[in-house]
């Protein structure tokens, strides 16, 4: 993990890849804490449930300025506390308004276009 000053000089991609139950969430949350001046794109398993599970854990440490990027058209069945985006323009709007963490699932569309558009 790196110190905060690196985020001011350049942006980098950090991938945390580990087997289930080996502490990915803890490592990822620590990385966010140590690099508070960066934008963080968190890619979970390809389920909305995984998005929301990571959100709940992140919310405990970082508050509610977290954007959950998924295809749900309505927040009525989801946690009311997060910033929701169903497309890249929604994510960008949330980033402009102060979000620094974006949680999305590992859907092929995210890799093919969404991440590149962001």
PDB file of N, CA and C in Angstrom:
ATOM      1  N   UNK A   1       0.839  -1.183   0.000  1.00  0.00           N
ATOM      2  CA  UNK A   1       0.000   0.000   0.000  1.00  0.00           C
ATOM      3  C   UNK A   1       0.878   1.237   0.000  1.00  0.00           C
ATOM      4  N   UNK A   2       0.338   2.309  -0.473  1.00  0.00           N
ATOM      5  CA  UNK A   2       1.149   3.499  -0.657  1.00  0.00           C
ATOM      6  C   UNK A   2       0.655   4.639   0.221  1.00  0.00           C
ATOM      7  N   UNK A   3       1.461   5.691   0.292  1.00  0.00           N
ATOM      8  CA  UNK A   3       1.049   6.833   1.073  1.00  0.00           C
ATOM      9  C   UNK A   3       0.182   7.774   0.241  1.00  0.00           C
ATOM     10  N   UNK A   4      -0.483   8.715   0.912  1.00  0.00           N
ATOM     11  CA  UNK A   4      -1.426   9.620   0.257  1.00  0.00           C
ATOM     12  C   UNK A   4      -0.788  10.509  -0.791  1.00  0.00           C
ATOM     13  N   UNK A   5       0.485  10.830  -0.659  1.00  0.00           N
ATOM     14  CA  UNK A   5       1.115  11.771  -1.585  1.00  0.00           C
ATOM     15  C   UNK A   5       1.154  11.235  -3.009  1.00  0.00           C
ATOM     16  N   UNK A   6       1.114   9.923  -3.182  1.00  0.00           N
ATOM     17  CA  UNK A   6       1.155   9.375  -4.534  1.00  0.00           C
ATOM     18  C   UNK A   6      -0.075   9.752  -5.339  1.00  0.00           C
ATOM     19  N   UNK A   7      -1.214   9.916  -4.697  1.00  0.00           N
ATOM     20  CA  UNK A   7      -2.434  10.239  -5.421  1.00  0.00           C
ATOM     21  C   UNK A   7      -2.369  11.626  -6.036  1.00  0.00           C
ATOM     22  N   UNK A   8      -1.581  12.516  -5.453  1.00  0.00           N
ATOM     23  CA  UNK A   8      -1.450  13.855  -6.002  1.00  0.00           C
ATOM     24  C   UNK A   8      -0.575  13.867  -7.250  1.00  0.00           C
ATOM     25  N   UNK A   9       0.317  12.895  -7.393  1.00  0.00           N
ATOM     26  CA  UNK A   9       1.253  12.860  -8.507  1.00  0.00           C
ATOM     27  C   UNK A   9       0.708  12.076  -9.699  1.00  0.00           C
ATOM     28  N   UNK A  10       0.027  10.986  -9.456  1.00  0.00           N
ATOM     29  CA  UNK A  10      -0.509  10.159 -10.527  1.00  0.00           C
ATOM     30  C   UNK A  10      -1.601   9.257  -9.965  1.00  0.00           C
ATOM     31  N   UNK A  11      -2.390   8.706 -10.846  1.00  0.00           N
ATOM     32  CA  UNK A  11      -3.415   7.749 -10.447  1.00  0.00           C
ATOM     33  C   UNK A  11      -2.937   6.365 -10.827  1.00  0.00           C
ATOM     34  N   UNK A  12      -3.322   5.396 -10.070  1.00  0.00           N
ATOM     35  CA  UNK A  12      -2.902   4.038 -10.355  1.00  0.00           C
ATOM     36  C   UNK A  12      -4.068   3.094 -10.115  1.00  0.00           C
ATOM     37  N   UNK A  13      -3.954   1.906 -10.634  1.00  0.00           N
ATOM     38  CA  UNK A  13      -4.948   0.872 -10.444  1.00  0.00           C
ATOM     39  C   UNK A  13      -4.390  -0.158  -9.480  1.00  0.00           C
ATOM     40  N   UNK A  14      -5.137  -0.447  -8.456  1.00  0.00           N
ATOM     41  CA  UNK A  14      -4.728  -1.442  -7.468  1.00  0.00           C
ATOM     42  C   UNK A  14      -5.747  -2.570  -7.506  1.00  0.00           C
ATOM     43  N   UNK A  15      -5.321  -3.771  -7.785  1.00  0.00           N
ATOM     44  CA  UNK A  15      -6.222  -4.918  -7.806  1.00  0.00           C
ATOM     45  C   UNK A  15      -5.944  -5.790  -6.593  1.00  0.00           C
ATOM     46  N   UNK A  16      -6.993  -6.084  -5.852  1.00  0.00           N
ATOM     47  CA  UNK A  16      -6.878  -6.976  -4.705  1.00  0.00           C
ATOM     48  C   UNK A  16      -7.616  -8.251  -5.091  1.00  0.00           C
ATOM     49  N   UNK A  17      -6.867  -9.300  -5.333  1.00  0.00           N
ATOM     50  CA  UNK A  17      -7.447 -10.556  -5.790  1.00  0.00           C
ATOM     51  C   UNK A  17      -7.032 -11.646  -4.813  1.00  0.00           C
ATOM     52  N   UNK A  18      -8.012 -12.195  -4.125  1.00  0.00           N
ATOM     53  CA  UNK A  18      -7.738 -13.254  -3.151  1.00  0.00           C
ATOM     54  C   UNK A  18      -8.903 -14.219  -3.141  1.00  0.00           C
ATOM     55  N   UNK A  19      -8.674 -15.394  -2.581  1.00  0.00           N
ATOM     56  CA  UNK A  19      -9.730 -16.392  -2.469  1.00  0.00           C
ATOM     57  C   UNK A  19     -10.796 -15.918  -1.487  1.00  0.00           C
ATOM     58  N   UNK A  20     -11.990 -16.506  -1.553  1.00  0.00           N
ATOM     59  CA  UNK A  20     -13.029 -16.146  -0.578  1.00  0.00           C
ATOM     60  C   UNK A  20     -12.536 -16.318   0.854  1.00  0.00           C
ATOM     61  N   UNK A  21     -13.004 -15.420   1.704  1.00  0.00           N
ATOM     62  CA  UNK A  21     -12.716 -15.449   3.141  1.00  0.00           C
ATOM     63  C   UNK A  21     -11.244 -15.219   3.465  1.00  0.00           C
ATOM     64  N   UNK A  22     -10.512 -14.515   2.611  1.00  0.00           N
ATOM     65  CA  UNK A  22      -9.103 -14.213   2.896  1.00  0.00           C
ATOM     66  C   UNK A  22      -8.852 -12.729   3.140  1.00  0.00           C
ATOM     67  N   UNK A  23      -9.887 -11.977   3.478  1.00  0.00           N
ATOM     68  CA  UNK A  23      -9.676 -10.604   3.908  1.00  0.00           C
ATOM     69  C   UNK A  23      -9.650  -9.541   2.829  1.00  0.00           C
ATOM     70  N   UNK A  24     -10.239  -9.794   1.663  1.00  0.00           N
ATOM     71  CA  UNK A  24     -10.246  -8.786   0.597  1.00  0.00           C
ATOM     72  C   UNK A  24     -10.904  -7.487   1.044  1.00  0.00           C
ATOM     73  N   UNK A  25     -12.034  -7.617   1.720  1.00  0.00           N
ATOM     74  CA  UNK A  25     -12.773  -6.421   2.138  1.00  0.00           C
ATOM     75  C   UNK A  25     -11.935  -5.586   3.094  1.00  0.00           C
ATOM     76  N   UNK A  26     -11.322  -6.210   4.092  1.00  0.00           N
ATOM     77  CA  UNK A  26     -10.496  -5.476   5.043  1.00  0.00           C
ATOM     78  C   UNK A  26      -9.336  -4.778   4.334  1.00  0.00           C
ATOM     79  N   UNK A  27      -8.651  -5.502   3.454  1.00  0.00           N
ATOM     80  CA  UNK A  27      -7.513  -4.926   2.725  1.00  0.00           C
ATOM     81  C   UNK A  27      -7.973  -3.751   1.874  1.00  0.00           C
ATOM     82  N   UNK A  28      -9.092  -3.913   1.200  1.00  0.00           N
ATOM     83  CA  UNK A  28      -9.619  -2.856   0.345  1.00  0.00           C
ATOM     84  C   UNK A  28     -10.005  -1.622   1.169  1.00  0.00           C
ATOM     85  N   UNK A  29     -10.684  -1.812   2.278  1.00  0.00           N
ATOM     86  CA  UNK A  29     -11.076  -0.693   3.128  1.00  0.00           C
ATOM     87  C   UNK A  29      -9.852   0.017   3.702  1.00  0.00           C
ATOM     88  N   UNK A  30      -8.822  -0.725   4.044  1.00  0.00           N
ATOM     89  CA  UNK A  30      -7.571  -0.116   4.514  1.00  0.00           C
ATOM     90  C   UNK A  30      -6.928   0.712   3.412  1.00  0.00           C
ATOM     91  N   UNK A  31      -6.938   0.201   2.192  1.00  0.00           N
ATOM     92  CA  UNK A  31      -6.372   0.920   1.056  1.00  0.00           C
ATOM     93  C   UNK A  31      -7.126   2.234   0.839  1.00  0.00           C
ATOM     94  N   UNK A  32      -8.432   2.219   0.949  1.00  0.00           N
ATOM     95  CA  UNK A  32      -9.221   3.447   0.813  1.00  0.00           C
ATOM     96  C   UNK A  32      -8.830   4.430   1.911  1.00  0.00           C
ATOM     97  N   UNK A  33      -8.714   3.947   3.136  1.00  0.00           N
ATOM     98  CA  UNK A  33      -8.355   4.819   4.263  1.00  0.00           C
ATOM     99  C   UNK A  33      -6.986   5.451   4.057  1.00  0.00           C
ATOM    100  N   UNK A  34      -6.010   4.655   3.620  1.00  0.00           N
ATOM    101  CA  UNK A  34      -4.644   5.151   3.445  1.00  0.00           C
ATOM    102  C   UNK A  34      -4.504   6.074   2.236  1.00  0.00           C
ATOM    103  N   UNK A  35      -5.396   5.971   1.287  1.00  0.00           N
ATOM    104  CA  UNK A  35      -5.329   6.778   0.063  1.00  0.00           C
ATOM    105  C   UNK A  35      -6.605   7.598  -0.082  1.00  0.00           C
ATOM    106  N   UNK A  36      -6.878   8.408   0.912  1.00  0.00           N
ATOM    107  CA  UNK A  36      -8.143   9.141   0.990  1.00  0.00           C
ATOM    108  C   UNK A  36      -8.315  10.179  -0.119  1.00  0.00           C
ATOM    109  N   UNK A  37      -7.247  10.605  -0.768  1.00  0.00           N
ATOM    110  CA  UNK A  37      -7.347  11.625  -1.808  1.00  0.00           C
ATOM    111  C   UNK A  37      -7.567  11.039  -3.199  1.00  0.00           C
ATOM    112  N   UNK A  38      -7.809   9.753  -3.286  1.00  0.00           N
ATOM    113  CA  UNK A  38      -7.994   9.084  -4.582  1.00  0.00           C
ATOM    114  C   UNK A  38      -9.461   8.722  -4.798  1.00  0.00           C
ATOM    115  N   UNK A  39      -9.801   8.488  -6.038  1.00  0.00           N
ATOM    116  CA  UNK A  39     -11.078   7.859  -6.354  1.00  0.00           C
ATOM    117  C   UNK A  39     -10.853   6.357  -6.301  1.00  0.00           C
ATOM    118  N   UNK A  40     -11.820   5.633  -5.779  1.00  0.00           N
ATOM    119  CA  UNK A  40     -11.693   4.190  -5.632  1.00  0.00           C
ATOM    120  C   UNK A  40     -12.839   3.505  -6.362  1.00  0.00           C
ATOM    121  N   UNK A  41     -12.527   2.662  -7.332  1.00  0.00           N
ATOM    122  CA  UNK A  41     -13.513   1.857  -8.034  1.00  0.00           C
ATOM    123  C   UNK A  41     -13.419   0.448  -7.480  1.00  0.00           C
ATOM    124  N   UNK A  42     -14.440   0.020  -6.793  1.00  0.00           N
ATOM    125  CA  UNK A  42     -14.467  -1.293  -6.159  1.00  0.00           C
ATOM    126  C   UNK A  42     -15.319  -2.211  -7.027  1.00  0.00           C
ATOM    127  N   UNK A  43     -14.754  -3.307  -7.450  1.00  0.00           N
ATOM    128  CA  UNK A  43     -15.479  -4.255  -8.290  1.00  0.00           C
ATOM    129  C   UNK A  43     -15.734  -5.507  -7.463  1.00  0.00           C
ATOM    130  N   UNK A  44     -17.018  -5.801  -7.233  1.00  0.00           N
ATOM    131  CA  UNK A  44     -17.401  -6.968  -6.445  1.00  0.00           C
ATOM    132  C   UNK A  44     -17.810  -8.100  -7.385  1.00  0.00           C
ATOM    133  N   UNK A  45     -18.230  -9.213  -6.801  1.00  0.00           N
ATOM    134  CA  UNK A  45     -18.767 -10.294  -7.625  1.00  0.00           C
ATOM    135  C   UNK A  45     -19.955  -9.758  -8.423  1.00  0.00           C
ATOM    136  N   UNK A  46     -20.357 -10.466  -9.440  1.00  0.00           N
ATOM    137  CA  UNK A  46     -21.379  -9.990 -10.362  1.00  0.00           C
ATOM    138  C   UNK A  46     -22.797 -10.157  -9.790  1.00  0.00           C
ATOM    139  N   UNK A  47     -23.034  -9.579  -8.617  1.00  0.00           N
ATOM    140  CA  UNK A  47     -24.375  -9.593  -8.029  1.00  0.00           C
ATOM    141  C   UNK A  47     -24.628  -8.257  -7.336  1.00  0.00           C
ATOM    142  N   UNK A  48     -25.858  -7.811  -7.385  1.00  0.00           N
ATOM    143  CA  UNK A  48     -26.236  -6.592  -6.670  1.00  0.00           C
ATOM    144  C   UNK A  48     -26.076  -6.804  -5.175  1.00  0.00           C
ATOM    145  N   UNK A  49     -26.345  -8.023  -4.705  1.00  0.00           N
ATOM    146  CA  UNK A  49     -26.182  -8.339  -3.279  1.00  0.00           C
ATOM    147  C   UNK A  49     -24.735  -8.087  -2.829  1.00  0.00           C
ATOM    148  N   UNK A  50     -23.758  -8.447  -3.653  1.00  0.00           N
ATOM    149  CA  UNK A  50     -22.353  -8.204  -3.307  1.00  0.00           C
ATOM    150  C   UNK A  50     -22.052  -6.714  -3.240  1.00  0.00           C
ATOM    151  N   UNK A  51     -22.634  -5.938  -4.167  1.00  0.00           N
ATOM    152  CA  UNK A  51     -22.483  -4.473  -4.120  1.00  0.00           C
ATOM    153  C   UNK A  51     -22.941  -3.943  -2.781  1.00  0.00           C
ATOM    154  N   UNK A  52     -24.142  -4.347  -2.388  1.00  0.00           N
ATOM    155  CA  UNK A  52     -24.737  -3.809  -1.175  1.00  0.00           C
ATOM    156  C   UNK A  52     -24.024  -4.297   0.078  1.00  0.00           C
ATOM    157  N   UNK A  53     -23.511  -5.512   0.052  1.00  0.00           N
ATOM    158  CA  UNK A  53     -22.749  -6.021   1.199  1.00  0.00           C
ATOM    159  C   UNK A  53     -21.467  -5.201   1.390  1.00  0.00           C
ATOM    160  N   UNK A  54     -20.752  -4.934   0.303  1.00  0.00           N
ATOM    161  CA  UNK A  54     -19.543  -4.122   0.426  1.00  0.00           C
ATOM    162  C   UNK A  54     -19.912  -2.707   0.874  1.00  0.00           C
ATOM    163  N   UNK A  55     -21.006  -2.165   0.335  1.00  0.00           N
ATOM    164  CA  UNK A  55     -21.441  -0.830   0.740  1.00  0.00           C
ATOM    165  C   UNK A  55     -21.651  -0.754   2.252  1.00  0.00           C
ATOM    166  N   UNK A  56     -22.348  -1.731   2.807  1.00  0.00           N
ATOM    167  CA  UNK A  56     -22.620  -1.713   4.249  1.00  0.00           C
ATOM    168  C   UNK A  56     -21.323  -1.691   5.046  1.00  0.00           C
ATOM    169  N   UNK A  57     -20.346  -2.464   4.629  1.00  0.00           N
ATOM    170  CA  UNK A  57     -19.064  -2.501   5.338  1.00  0.00           C
ATOM    171  C   UNK A  57     -18.300  -1.190   5.167  1.00  0.00           C
ATOM    172  N   UNK A  58     -18.343  -0.633   3.965  1.00  0.00           N
ATOM    173  CA  UNK A  58     -17.646   0.633   3.712  1.00  0.00           C
ATOM    174  C   UNK A  58     -18.328   1.793   4.435  1.00  0.00           C
ATOM    175  N   UNK A  59     -19.644   1.770   4.482  1.00  0.00           N
ATOM    176  CA  UNK A  59     -20.400   2.844   5.134  1.00  0.00           C
ATOM    177  C   UNK A  59     -20.021   2.960   6.607  1.00  0.00           C
ATOM    178  N   UNK A  60     -19.786   1.830   7.267  1.00  0.00           N
ATOM    179  CA  UNK A  60     -19.401   1.849   8.674  1.00  0.00           C
ATOM    180  C   UNK A  60     -18.116   2.644   8.890  1.00  0.00           C
ATOM    181  N   UNK A  61     -17.222   2.620   7.912  1.00  0.00           N
ATOM    182  CA  UNK A  61     -15.919   3.293   8.065  1.00  0.00           C
ATOM    183  C   UNK A  61     -15.859   4.664   7.424  1.00  0.00           C
ATOM    184  N   UNK A  62     -16.612   4.879   6.319  1.00  0.00           N
ATOM    185  CA  UNK A  62     -16.425   6.104   5.539  1.00  0.00           C
ATOM    186  C   UNK A  62     -17.677   6.952   5.389  1.00  0.00           C
ATOM    187  N   UNK A  63     -18.768   6.584   5.996  1.00  0.00           N
ATOM    188  CA  UNK A  63     -19.984   7.372   5.882  1.00  0.00           C
ATOM    189  C   UNK A  63     -20.751   7.065   4.607  1.00  0.00           C
ATOM    190  N   UNK A  64     -21.548   8.012   4.181  1.00  0.00           N
ATOM    191  CA  UNK A  64     -22.501   7.749   3.109  1.00  0.00           C
ATOM    192  C   UNK A  64     -22.129   8.341   1.752  1.00  0.00           C
ATOM    193  N   UNK A  65     -20.952   8.889   1.576  1.00  0.00           N
ATOM    194  CA  UNK A  65     -20.531   9.444   0.287  1.00  0.00           C
ATOM    195  C   UNK A  65     -19.943   8.347  -0.591  1.00  0.00           C
ATOM    196  N   UNK A  66     -20.736   7.300  -0.785  1.00  0.00           N
ATOM    197  CA  UNK A  66     -20.308   6.146  -1.565  1.00  0.00           C
ATOM    198  C   UNK A  66     -21.344   5.918  -2.654  1.00  0.00           C
ATOM    199  N   UNK A  67     -20.890   5.770  -3.878  1.00  0.00           N
ATOM    200  CA  UNK A  67     -21.788   5.550  -5.012  1.00  0.00           C
ATOM    201  C   UNK A  67     -21.861   4.051  -5.315  1.00  0.00           C
ATOM    202  N   UNK A  68     -23.083   3.531  -5.375  1.00  0.00           N
ATOM    203  CA  UNK A  68     -23.299   2.148  -5.791  1.00  0.00           C
ATOM    204  C   UNK A  68     -23.804   2.190  -7.230  1.00  0.00           C
ATOM    205  N   UNK A  69     -23.026   1.592  -8.115  1.00  0.00           N
ATOM    206  CA  UNK A  69     -23.286   1.615  -9.555  1.00  0.00           C
ATOM    207  C   UNK A  69     -23.830   0.249  -9.937  1.00  0.00           C
ATOM    208  N   UNK A  70     -25.142   0.181 -10.173  1.00  0.00           N
ATOM    209  CA  UNK A  70     -25.740  -1.066 -10.620  1.00  0.00           C
ATOM    210  C   UNK A  70     -26.936  -0.791 -11.517  1.00  0.00           C
ATOM    211  N   UNK A  71     -27.474  -1.829 -12.089  1.00  0.00           N
ATOM    212  CA  UNK A  71     -28.507  -1.677 -13.102  1.00  0.00           C
ATOM    213  C   UNK A  71     -29.913  -1.530 -12.538  1.00  0.00           C
ATOM    214  N   UNK A  72     -30.071  -1.588 -11.240  1.00  0.00           N
ATOM    215  CA  UNK A  72     -31.397  -1.400 -10.659  1.00  0.00           C
ATOM    216  C   UNK A  72     -31.929  -0.040 -11.068  1.00  0.00           C
ATOM    217  N   UNK A  73     -33.163   0.003 -11.527  1.00  0.00           N
ATOM    218  CA  UNK A  73     -33.741   1.275 -11.943  1.00  0.00           C
ATOM    219  C   UNK A  73     -34.336   2.051 -10.785  1.00  0.00           C
ATOM    220  N   UNK A  74     -34.559   1.393  -9.665  1.00  0.00           N
ATOM    221  CA  UNK A  74     -35.173   2.045  -8.523  1.00  0.00           C
ATOM    222  C   UNK A  74     -34.424   1.688  -7.243  1.00  0.00           C
ATOM    223  N   UNK A  75     -34.391   2.649  -6.323  1.00  0.00           N
ATOM    224  CA  UNK A  75     -33.754   2.393  -5.031  1.00  0.00           C
ATOM    225  C   UNK A  75     -34.738   1.830  -4.021  1.00  0.00           C
ATOM    226  N   UNK A  76     -36.013   1.641  -4.395  1.00  0.00           N
ATOM    227  CA  UNK A  76     -37.013   1.255  -3.397  1.00  0.00           C
ATOM    228  C   UNK A  76     -36.695  -0.068  -2.706  1.00  0.00           C
ATOM    229  N   UNK A  77     -36.038  -0.995  -3.409  1.00  0.00           N
ATOM    230  CA  UNK A  77     -35.675  -2.276  -2.812  1.00  0.00           C
ATOM    231  C   UNK A  77     -34.257  -2.276  -2.263  1.00  0.00           C
ATOM    232  N   UNK A  78     -33.592  -1.128  -2.300  1.00  0.00           N
ATOM    233  CA  UNK A  78     -32.201  -1.048  -1.885  1.00  0.00           C
ATOM    234  C   UNK A  78     -32.071  -0.125  -0.679  1.00  0.00           C
ATOM    235  N   UNK A  79     -30.909  -0.112  -0.070  1.00  0.00           N
ATOM    236  CA  UNK A  79     -30.611   0.755   1.054  1.00  0.00           C
ATOM    237  C   UNK A  79     -30.763   2.213   0.613  1.00  0.00           C
ATOM    238  N   UNK A  80     -31.457   2.995   1.385  1.00  0.00           N
ATOM    239  CA  UNK A  80     -31.723   4.398   1.030  1.00  0.00           C
ATOM    240  C   UNK A  80     -30.517   5.305   1.278  1.00  0.00           C
ATOM    241  N   UNK A  81     -29.484   4.797   1.971  1.00  0.00           N
ATOM    242  CA  UNK A  81     -28.368   5.641   2.394  1.00  0.00           C
ATOM    243  C   UNK A  81     -27.303   5.872   1.332  1.00  0.00           C
ATOM    244  N   UNK A  82     -27.259   5.061   0.281  1.00  0.00           N
ATOM    245  CA  UNK A  82     -26.167   5.233  -0.664  1.00  0.00           C
ATOM    246  C   UNK A  82     -26.563   6.103  -1.849  1.00  0.00           C
ATOM    247  N   UNK A  83     -25.564   6.586  -2.536  1.00  0.00           N
ATOM    248  CA  UNK A  83     -25.768   7.335  -3.767  1.00  0.00           C
ATOM    249  C   UNK A  83     -25.843   6.306  -4.885  1.00  0.00           C
ATOM    250  N   UNK A  84     -26.945   6.254  -5.578  1.00  0.00           N
ATOM    251  CA  UNK A  84     -27.137   5.230  -6.614  1.00  0.00           C
ATOM    252  C   UNK A  84     -26.890   5.813  -7.997  1.00  0.00           C
ATOM    253  N   UNK A  85     -26.279   5.020  -8.860  1.00  0.00           N
ATOM    254  CA  UNK A  85     -26.127   5.388 -10.272  1.00  0.00           C
ATOM    255  C   UNK A  85     -26.408   4.142 -11.100  1.00  0.00           C
ATOM    256  N   UNK A  86     -27.185   4.307 -12.156  1.00  0.00           N
ATOM    257  CA  UNK A  86     -27.452   3.161 -13.030  1.00  0.00           C
ATOM    258  C   UNK A  86     -26.720   3.284 -14.356  1.00  0.00           C
ATOM    259  N   UNK A  87     -25.980   4.402 -14.545  1.00  0.00           N
ATOM    260  CA  UNK A  87     -25.176   4.575 -15.752  1.00  0.00           C
ATOM    261  C   UNK A  87     -23.962   5.438 -15.426  1.00  0.00           C
ATOM    262  N   UNK A  88     -23.043   5.525 -16.385  1.00  0.00           N
ATOM    263  CA  UNK A  88     -21.786   6.251 -16.160  1.00  0.00           C
ATOM    264  C   UNK A  88     -22.033   7.724 -15.847  1.00  0.00           C
ATOM    265  N   UNK A  89     -23.003   8.347 -16.500  1.00  0.00           N
ATOM    266  CA  UNK A  89     -23.258   9.766 -16.227  1.00  0.00           C
ATOM    267  C   UNK A  89     -23.713   9.964 -14.781  1.00  0.00           C
ATOM    268  N   UNK A  90     -24.468   9.003 -14.239  1.00  0.00           N
ATOM    269  CA  UNK A  90     -24.865   9.078 -12.834  1.00  0.00           C
ATOM    270  C   UNK A  90     -23.676   8.951 -11.901  1.00  0.00           C
ATOM    271  N   UNK A  91     -22.742   8.067 -12.241  1.00  0.00           N
ATOM    272  CA  UNK A  91     -21.523   7.917 -11.434  1.00  0.00           C
ATOM    273  C   UNK A  91     -20.732   9.222 -11.461  1.00  0.00           C
ATOM    274  N   UNK A  92     -20.549   9.784 -12.647  1.00  0.00           N
ATOM    275  CA  UNK A  92     -19.793  11.036 -12.758  1.00  0.00           C
ATOM    276  C   UNK A  92     -20.442  12.149 -11.946  1.00  0.00           C
ATOM    277  N   UNK A  93     -21.772  12.215 -11.975  1.00  0.00           N
ATOM    278  CA  UNK A  93     -22.492  13.224 -11.200  1.00  0.00           C
ATOM    279  C   UNK A  93     -22.215  13.040  -9.695  1.00  0.00           C
ATOM    280  N   UNK A  94     -22.225  11.798  -9.231  1.00  0.00           N
ATOM    281  CA  UNK A  94     -21.937  11.542  -7.818  1.00  0.00           C
ATOM    282  C   UNK A  94     -20.496  11.869  -7.464  1.00  0.00           C
ATOM    283  N   UNK A  95     -19.556  11.602  -8.372  1.00  0.00           N
ATOM    284  CA  UNK A  95     -18.158  11.951  -8.122  1.00  0.00           C
ATOM    285  C   UNK A  95     -17.993  13.463  -8.029  1.00  0.00           C
ATOM    286  N   UNK A  96     -18.638  14.191  -8.913  1.00  0.00           N
ATOM    287  CA  UNK A  96     -18.584  15.657  -8.875  1.00  0.00           C
ATOM    288  C   UNK A  96     -19.145  16.192  -7.559  1.00  0.00           C
ATOM    289  N   UNK A  97     -20.166  15.499  -7.039  1.00  0.00           N
ATOM    290  CA  UNK A  97     -20.822  15.939  -5.801  1.00  0.00           C
ATOM    291  C   UNK A  97     -20.156  15.409  -4.533  1.00  0.00           C
ATOM    292  N   UNK A  98     -18.970  14.816  -4.660  1.00  0.00           N
ATOM    293  CA  UNK A  98     -18.202  14.481  -3.463  1.00  0.00           C
ATOM    294  C   UNK A  98     -17.947  13.015  -3.187  1.00  0.00           C
ATOM    295  N   UNK A  99     -18.569  12.112  -3.920  1.00  0.00           N
ATOM    296  CA  UNK A  99     -18.287  10.692  -3.697  1.00  0.00           C
ATOM    297  C   UNK A  99     -16.856  10.391  -4.159  1.00  0.00           C
ATOM    298  N   UNK A 100     -16.174   9.535  -3.424  1.00  0.00           N
ATOM    299  CA  UNK A 100     -14.824   9.135  -3.816  1.00  0.00           C
ATOM    300  C   UNK A 100     -14.700   7.626  -3.964  1.00  0.00           C
ATOM    301  N   UNK A 101     -15.757   6.905  -3.570  1.00  0.00           N
ATOM    302  CA  UNK A 101     -15.774   5.456  -3.663  1.00  0.00           C
ATOM    303  C   UNK A 101     -16.959   5.053  -4.540  1.00  0.00           C
ATOM    304  N   UNK A 102     -16.685   4.217  -5.549  1.00  0.00           N
ATOM    305  CA  UNK A 102     -17.728   3.695  -6.424  1.00  0.00           C
ATOM    306  C   UNK A 102     -17.677   2.176  -6.335  1.00  0.00           C
ATOM    307  N   UNK A 103     -18.810   1.576  -6.026  1.00  0.00           N
ATOM    308  CA  UNK A 103     -18.901   0.125  -5.924  1.00  0.00           C
ATOM    309  C   UNK A 103     -19.716  -0.380  -7.097  1.00  0.00           C
ATOM    310  N   UNK A 104     -19.166  -1.337  -7.846  1.00  0.00           N
ATOM    311  CA  UNK A 104     -19.867  -1.907  -8.999  1.00  0.00           C
ATOM    312  C   UNK A 104     -19.597  -3.400  -9.065  1.00  0.00           C
ATOM    313  N   UNK A 105     -20.446  -4.112  -9.777  1.00  0.00           N
ATOM    314  CA  UNK A 105     -20.249  -5.559  -9.900  1.00  0.00           C
ATOM    315  C   UNK A 105     -19.378  -5.872 -11.116  1.00  0.00           C
ATOM    316  N   UNK A 106     -18.897  -7.093 -11.155  1.00  0.00           N
ATOM    317  CA  UNK A 106     -17.984  -7.522 -12.219  1.00  0.00           C
ATOM    318  C   UNK A 106     -18.739  -7.999 -13.451  1.00  0.00           C
ATOM    319  N   UNK A 107     -19.671  -7.215 -13.897  1.00  0.00           N
ATOM    320  CA  UNK A 107     -20.438  -7.529 -15.106  1.00  0.00           C
ATOM    321  C   UNK A 107     -19.562  -7.220 -16.325  1.00  0.00           C
ATOM    322  N   UNK A 108     -19.633  -8.019 -17.378  1.00  0.00           N
ATOM    323  CA  UNK A 108     -18.809  -7.747 -18.569  1.00  0.00           C
ATOM    324  C   UNK A 108     -18.957  -6.322 -19.105  1.00  0.00           C
ATOM    325  N   UNK A 109     -20.157  -5.753 -19.011  1.00  0.00           N
ATOM    326  CA  UNK A 109     -20.364  -4.377 -19.492  1.00  0.00           C
ATOM    327  C   UNK A 109     -19.498  -3.378 -18.730  1.00  0.00           C
ATOM    328  N   UNK A 110     -19.284  -3.623 -17.450  1.00  0.00           N
ATOM    329  CA  UNK A 110     -18.443  -2.712 -16.658  1.00  0.00           C
ATOM    330  C   UNK A 110     -17.011  -2.716 -17.182  1.00  0.00           C
ATOM    331  N   UNK A 111     -16.494  -3.902 -17.531  1.00  0.00           N
ATOM    332  CA  UNK A 111     -15.130  -4.001 -18.045  1.00  0.00           C
ATOM    333  C   UNK A 111     -15.032  -3.508 -19.480  1.00  0.00           C
ATOM    334  N   UNK A 112     -16.056  -3.778 -20.289  1.00  0.00           N
ATOM    335  CA  UNK A 112     -16.021  -3.413 -21.701  1.00  0.00           C
ATOM    336  C   UNK A 112     -16.185  -1.921 -21.949  1.00  0.00           C
ATOM    337  N   UNK A 113     -16.994  -1.250 -21.131  1.00  0.00           N
ATOM    338  CA  UNK A 113     -17.217   0.160 -21.415  1.00  0.00           C
ATOM    339  C   UNK A 113     -17.258   1.056 -20.193  1.00  0.00           C
ATOM    340  N   UNK A 114     -17.937   0.671 -19.135  1.00  0.00           N
ATOM    341  CA  UNK A 114     -18.155   1.589 -17.995  1.00  0.00           C
ATOM    342  C   UNK A 114     -16.859   2.110 -17.391  1.00  0.00           C
ATOM    343  N   UNK A 115     -15.930   1.217 -17.081  1.00  0.00           N
ATOM    344  CA  UNK A 115     -14.677   1.639 -16.449  1.00  0.00           C
ATOM    345  C   UNK A 115     -13.888   2.547 -17.383  1.00  0.00           C
ATOM    346  N   UNK A 116     -13.870   2.206 -18.657  1.00  0.00           N
ATOM    347  CA  UNK A 116     -13.141   3.040 -19.616  1.00  0.00           C
ATOM    348  C   UNK A 116     -13.793   4.422 -19.739  1.00  0.00           C
ATOM    349  N   UNK A 117     -15.119   4.481 -19.719  1.00  0.00           N
ATOM    350  CA  UNK A 117     -15.815   5.761 -19.811  1.00  0.00           C
ATOM    351  C   UNK A 117     -15.564   6.633 -18.579  1.00  0.00           C
ATOM    352  N   UNK A 118     -15.432   5.985 -17.425  1.00  0.00           N
ATOM    353  CA  UNK A 118     -15.134   6.761 -16.211  1.00  0.00           C
ATOM    354  C   UNK A 118     -13.721   7.315 -16.269  1.00  0.00           C
TER     355      UNK A 118
END
